[in-house]
Amino acid sequence: MNDLDIVARADAWKIALSMADVTVPPSGHGQMVALFDGDIEIFDRWLPGAPNPDAMIDCAEMVEGIPFCPLSWVLEWKMFSSREKDMRDIELIRQRMEAPQP
């Protein structure tokens, strides 16, 4: 799947709520706003057992000025879910994490 998942808090979450109707995400945990036919999904929290939104955002890794969840966290969640659609992502994340960094 080629979508973008965003965790938002405070004013950013309020803005998301003004853009579309809120729904329950597939995980059943928290709330979600889907934009552009689901290509962008904005959540008020992540999966059960994940850090709270403040911790997730505060621990973000900056990539070209854009904050991203640490790849090690993404890998952990995808491996735990072990969904067929995540298998390719798991392999790509492992390759990226094992590659020498400049």
C-alpha atoms as a PDB file:
ATOM      1  CA  MET A   1       0.000   0.000   0.000  1.00  0.00           C
ATOM      2  CA  ASN A   2       1.270   3.461  -0.778  1.00  0.00           C
ATOM      3  CA  ASP A   3      -0.312   5.595   1.900  1.00  0.00           C
ATOM      4  CA  LEU A   4       1.081   8.001   4.444  1.00  0.00           C
ATOM      5  CA  ASP A   5       0.252   7.527   8.122  1.00  0.00           C
ATOM      6  CA  ILE A   6       0.523  10.591  10.351  1.00  0.00           C
ATOM      7  CA  VAL A   7       0.193  10.860  14.124  1.00  0.00           C
ATOM      8  CA  ALA A   8      -1.013  14.315  15.130  1.00  0.00           C
ATOM      9  CA  ARG A   9      -1.502  16.059  18.448  1.00  0.00           C
ATOM     10  CA  ALA A  10      -2.907  19.312  19.818  1.00  0.00           C
ATOM     11  CA  ASP A  11      -3.563  21.948  17.134  1.00  0.00           C
ATOM     12  CA  ALA A  12      -2.494  19.652  14.291  1.00  0.00           C
ATOM     13  CA  TRP A  13      -5.140  17.110  15.348  1.00  0.00           C
ATOM     14  CA  LYS A  14      -7.760  19.890  15.545  1.00  0.00           C
ATOM     15  CA  ILE A  15      -6.895  20.922  11.993  1.00  0.00           C
ATOM     16  CA  ALA A  16      -7.185  17.306  10.817  1.00  0.00           C
ATOM     17  CA  LEU A  17     -10.643  17.096  12.408  1.00  0.00           C
ATOM     18  CA  SER A  18     -11.717  20.142  10.403  1.00  0.00           C
ATOM     19  CA  MET A  19     -10.698  18.487   7.108  1.00  0.00           C
ATOM     20  CA  ALA A  20     -12.843  15.331   7.106  1.00  0.00           C
ATOM     21  CA  ASP A  21     -15.064  13.136   9.243  1.00  0.00           C
ATOM     22  CA  VAL A  22     -13.400  11.205  12.026  1.00  0.00           C
ATOM     23  CA  THR A  23     -13.588   7.403  11.910  1.00  0.00           C
ATOM     24  CA  VAL A  24     -12.290   4.469  13.894  1.00  0.00           C
ATOM     25  CA  PRO A  25      -9.049   3.128  12.359  1.00  0.00           C
ATOM     26  CA  PRO A  26      -8.686  -0.519  11.307  1.00  0.00           C
ATOM     27  CA  SER A  27      -6.824  -1.228  14.560  1.00  0.00           C
ATOM     28  CA  GLY A  28      -9.894  -0.114  16.514  1.00  0.00           C
ATOM     29  CA  HIS A  29      -7.580   2.055  18.613  1.00  0.00           C
ATOM     30  CA  GLY A  30      -8.205   5.793  18.756  1.00  0.00           C
ATOM     31  CA  GLN A  31      -9.496   7.970  15.947  1.00  0.00           C
ATOM     32  CA  MET A  32      -8.504   8.577  12.330  1.00  0.00           C
ATOM     33  CA  VAL A  33      -9.157  11.141   9.627  1.00  0.00           C
ATOM     34  CA  ALA A  34      -8.680   9.873   6.067  1.00  0.00           C
ATOM     35  CA  LEU A  35      -7.821  12.301   3.267  1.00  0.00           C
ATOM     36  CA  PHE A  36      -7.449  11.843  -0.486  1.00  0.00           C
ATOM     37  CA  ASP A  37      -9.343   8.531  -0.596  1.00  0.00           C
ATOM     38  CA  GLY A  38      -7.235   7.154   2.257  1.00  0.00           C
ATOM     39  CA  ASP A  39      -3.863   8.022   0.736  1.00  0.00           C
ATOM     40  CA  ILE A  40      -3.209  10.100   3.857  1.00  0.00           C
ATOM     41  CA  GLU A  41      -4.425   8.834   7.228  1.00  0.00           C
ATOM     42  CA  ILE A  42      -4.090  11.042  10.291  1.00  0.00           C
ATOM     43  CA  PHE A  43      -4.352   9.383  13.710  1.00  0.00           C
ATOM     44  CA  ASP A  44      -4.745  10.778  17.213  1.00  0.00           C
ATOM     45  CA  ARG A  45      -2.637   7.841  18.520  1.00  0.00           C
ATOM     46  CA  TRP A  46      -0.924   4.808  17.089  1.00  0.00           C
ATOM     47  CA  LEU A  47      -1.363   1.100  17.683  1.00  0.00           C
ATOM     48  CA  PRO A  48      -2.114  -0.407  21.096  1.00  0.00           C
ATOM     49  CA  GLY A  49       1.105  -0.646  23.076  1.00  0.00           C
ATOM     50  CA  ALA A  50       2.801   2.094  21.060  1.00  0.00           C
ATOM     51  CA  PRO A  51       4.172   5.186  22.805  1.00  0.00           C
ATOM     52  CA  ASN A  52       1.738   8.071  23.207  1.00  0.00           C
ATOM     53  CA  PRO A  53       1.638  10.712  20.449  1.00  0.00           C
ATOM     54  CA  ASP A  54       3.879  13.120  22.382  1.00  0.00           C
ATOM     55  CA  ALA A  55       6.602  10.481  22.764  1.00  0.00           C
ATOM     56  CA  MET A  56       6.293   9.408  19.134  1.00  0.00           C
ATOM     57  CA  ILE A  57       6.588  12.951  17.845  1.00  0.00           C
ATOM     58  CA  ASP A  58       9.343  13.921  20.296  1.00  0.00           C
ATOM     59  CA  CYS A  59      11.413  10.858  19.231  1.00  0.00           C
ATOM     60  CA  ALA A  60      10.965  11.478  15.517  1.00  0.00           C
ATOM     61  CA  GLU A  61      14.008  11.226  13.259  1.00  0.00           C
ATOM     62  CA  MET A  62      14.418  14.140  10.894  1.00  0.00           C
ATOM     63  CA  VAL A  63      14.864  13.246   7.225  1.00  0.00           C
ATOM     64  CA  GLU A  64      15.418  16.264   5.000  1.00  0.00           C
ATOM     65  CA  GLY A  65      13.598  18.418   7.542  1.00  0.00           C
ATOM     66  CA  ILE A  66      10.570  16.136   7.884  1.00  0.00           C
ATOM     67  CA  PRO A  67       9.959  14.187  11.123  1.00  0.00           C
ATOM     68  CA  PHE A  68       9.542  10.416  10.762  1.00  0.00           C
ATOM     69  CA  CYS A  69       8.966   7.641  13.246  1.00  0.00           C
ATOM     70  CA  PRO A  70      12.229   5.750  13.902  1.00  0.00           C
ATOM     71  CA  LEU A  71      12.582   2.880  11.433  1.00  0.00           C
ATOM     72  CA  SER A  72      13.289   0.466  14.258  1.00  0.00           C
ATOM     73  CA  TRP A  73       9.817   1.200  15.658  1.00  0.00           C
ATOM     74  CA  VAL A  74       8.172   0.757  12.253  1.00  0.00           C
ATOM     75  CA  LEU A  75       9.997  -2.538  11.780  1.00  0.00           C
ATOM     76  CA  GLU A  76       8.846  -3.765  15.187  1.00  0.00           C
ATOM     77  CA  TRP A  77       5.178  -2.906  14.463  1.00  0.00           C
ATOM     78  CA  LYS A  78       5.235  -4.469  11.010  1.00  0.00           C
ATOM     79  CA  MET A  79       6.885  -7.640  12.293  1.00  0.00           C
ATOM     80  CA  PHE A  80       4.365  -7.872  15.141  1.00  0.00           C
ATOM     81  CA  SER A  81       1.449  -7.421  12.733  1.00  0.00           C
ATOM     82  CA  SER A  82       2.999  -9.887  10.251  1.00  0.00           C
ATOM     83  CA  ARG A  83       0.496  -8.935   7.584  1.00  0.00           C
ATOM     84  CA  GLU A  84       1.214 -10.119   4.070  1.00  0.00           C
ATOM     85  CA  LYS A  85       1.181  -6.518   2.828  1.00  0.00           C
ATOM     86  CA  ASP A  86       4.028  -5.642   5.249  1.00  0.00           C
ATOM     87  CA  MET A  87       6.488  -8.338   4.161  1.00  0.00           C
ATOM     88  CA  ARG A  88       8.100  -6.227   1.416  1.00  0.00           C
ATOM     89  CA  ASP A  89       8.335  -3.233   3.784  1.00  0.00           C
ATOM     90  CA  ILE A  90      10.000  -5.394   6.431  1.00  0.00           C
ATOM     91  CA  GLU A  91      12.646  -6.509   3.949  1.00  0.00           C
ATOM     92  CA  LEU A  92      13.278  -2.952   2.726  1.00  0.00           C
ATOM     93  CA  ILE A  93      13.535  -1.587   6.273  1.00  0.00           C
ATOM     94  CA  ARG A  94      15.994  -4.318   7.250  1.00  0.00           C
ATOM     95  CA  GLN A  95      18.142  -3.573   4.180  1.00  0.00           C
ATOM     96  CA  ARG A  96      18.109   0.151   4.979  1.00  0.00           C
ATOM     97  CA  MET A  97      19.025  -0.406   8.624  1.00  0.00           C
ATOM     98  CA  GLU A  98      21.877  -2.772   7.694  1.00  0.00           C
ATOM     99  CA  ALA A  99      23.314  -0.500   4.981  1.00  0.00           C
ATOM    100  CA  PRO A 100      26.386   1.552   5.871  1.00  0.00           C
ATOM    101  CA  GLN A 101      25.359   5.097   6.741  1.00  0.00           C
ATOM    102  CA  PRO A 102      27.271   8.060   5.270  1.00  0.00           C
END
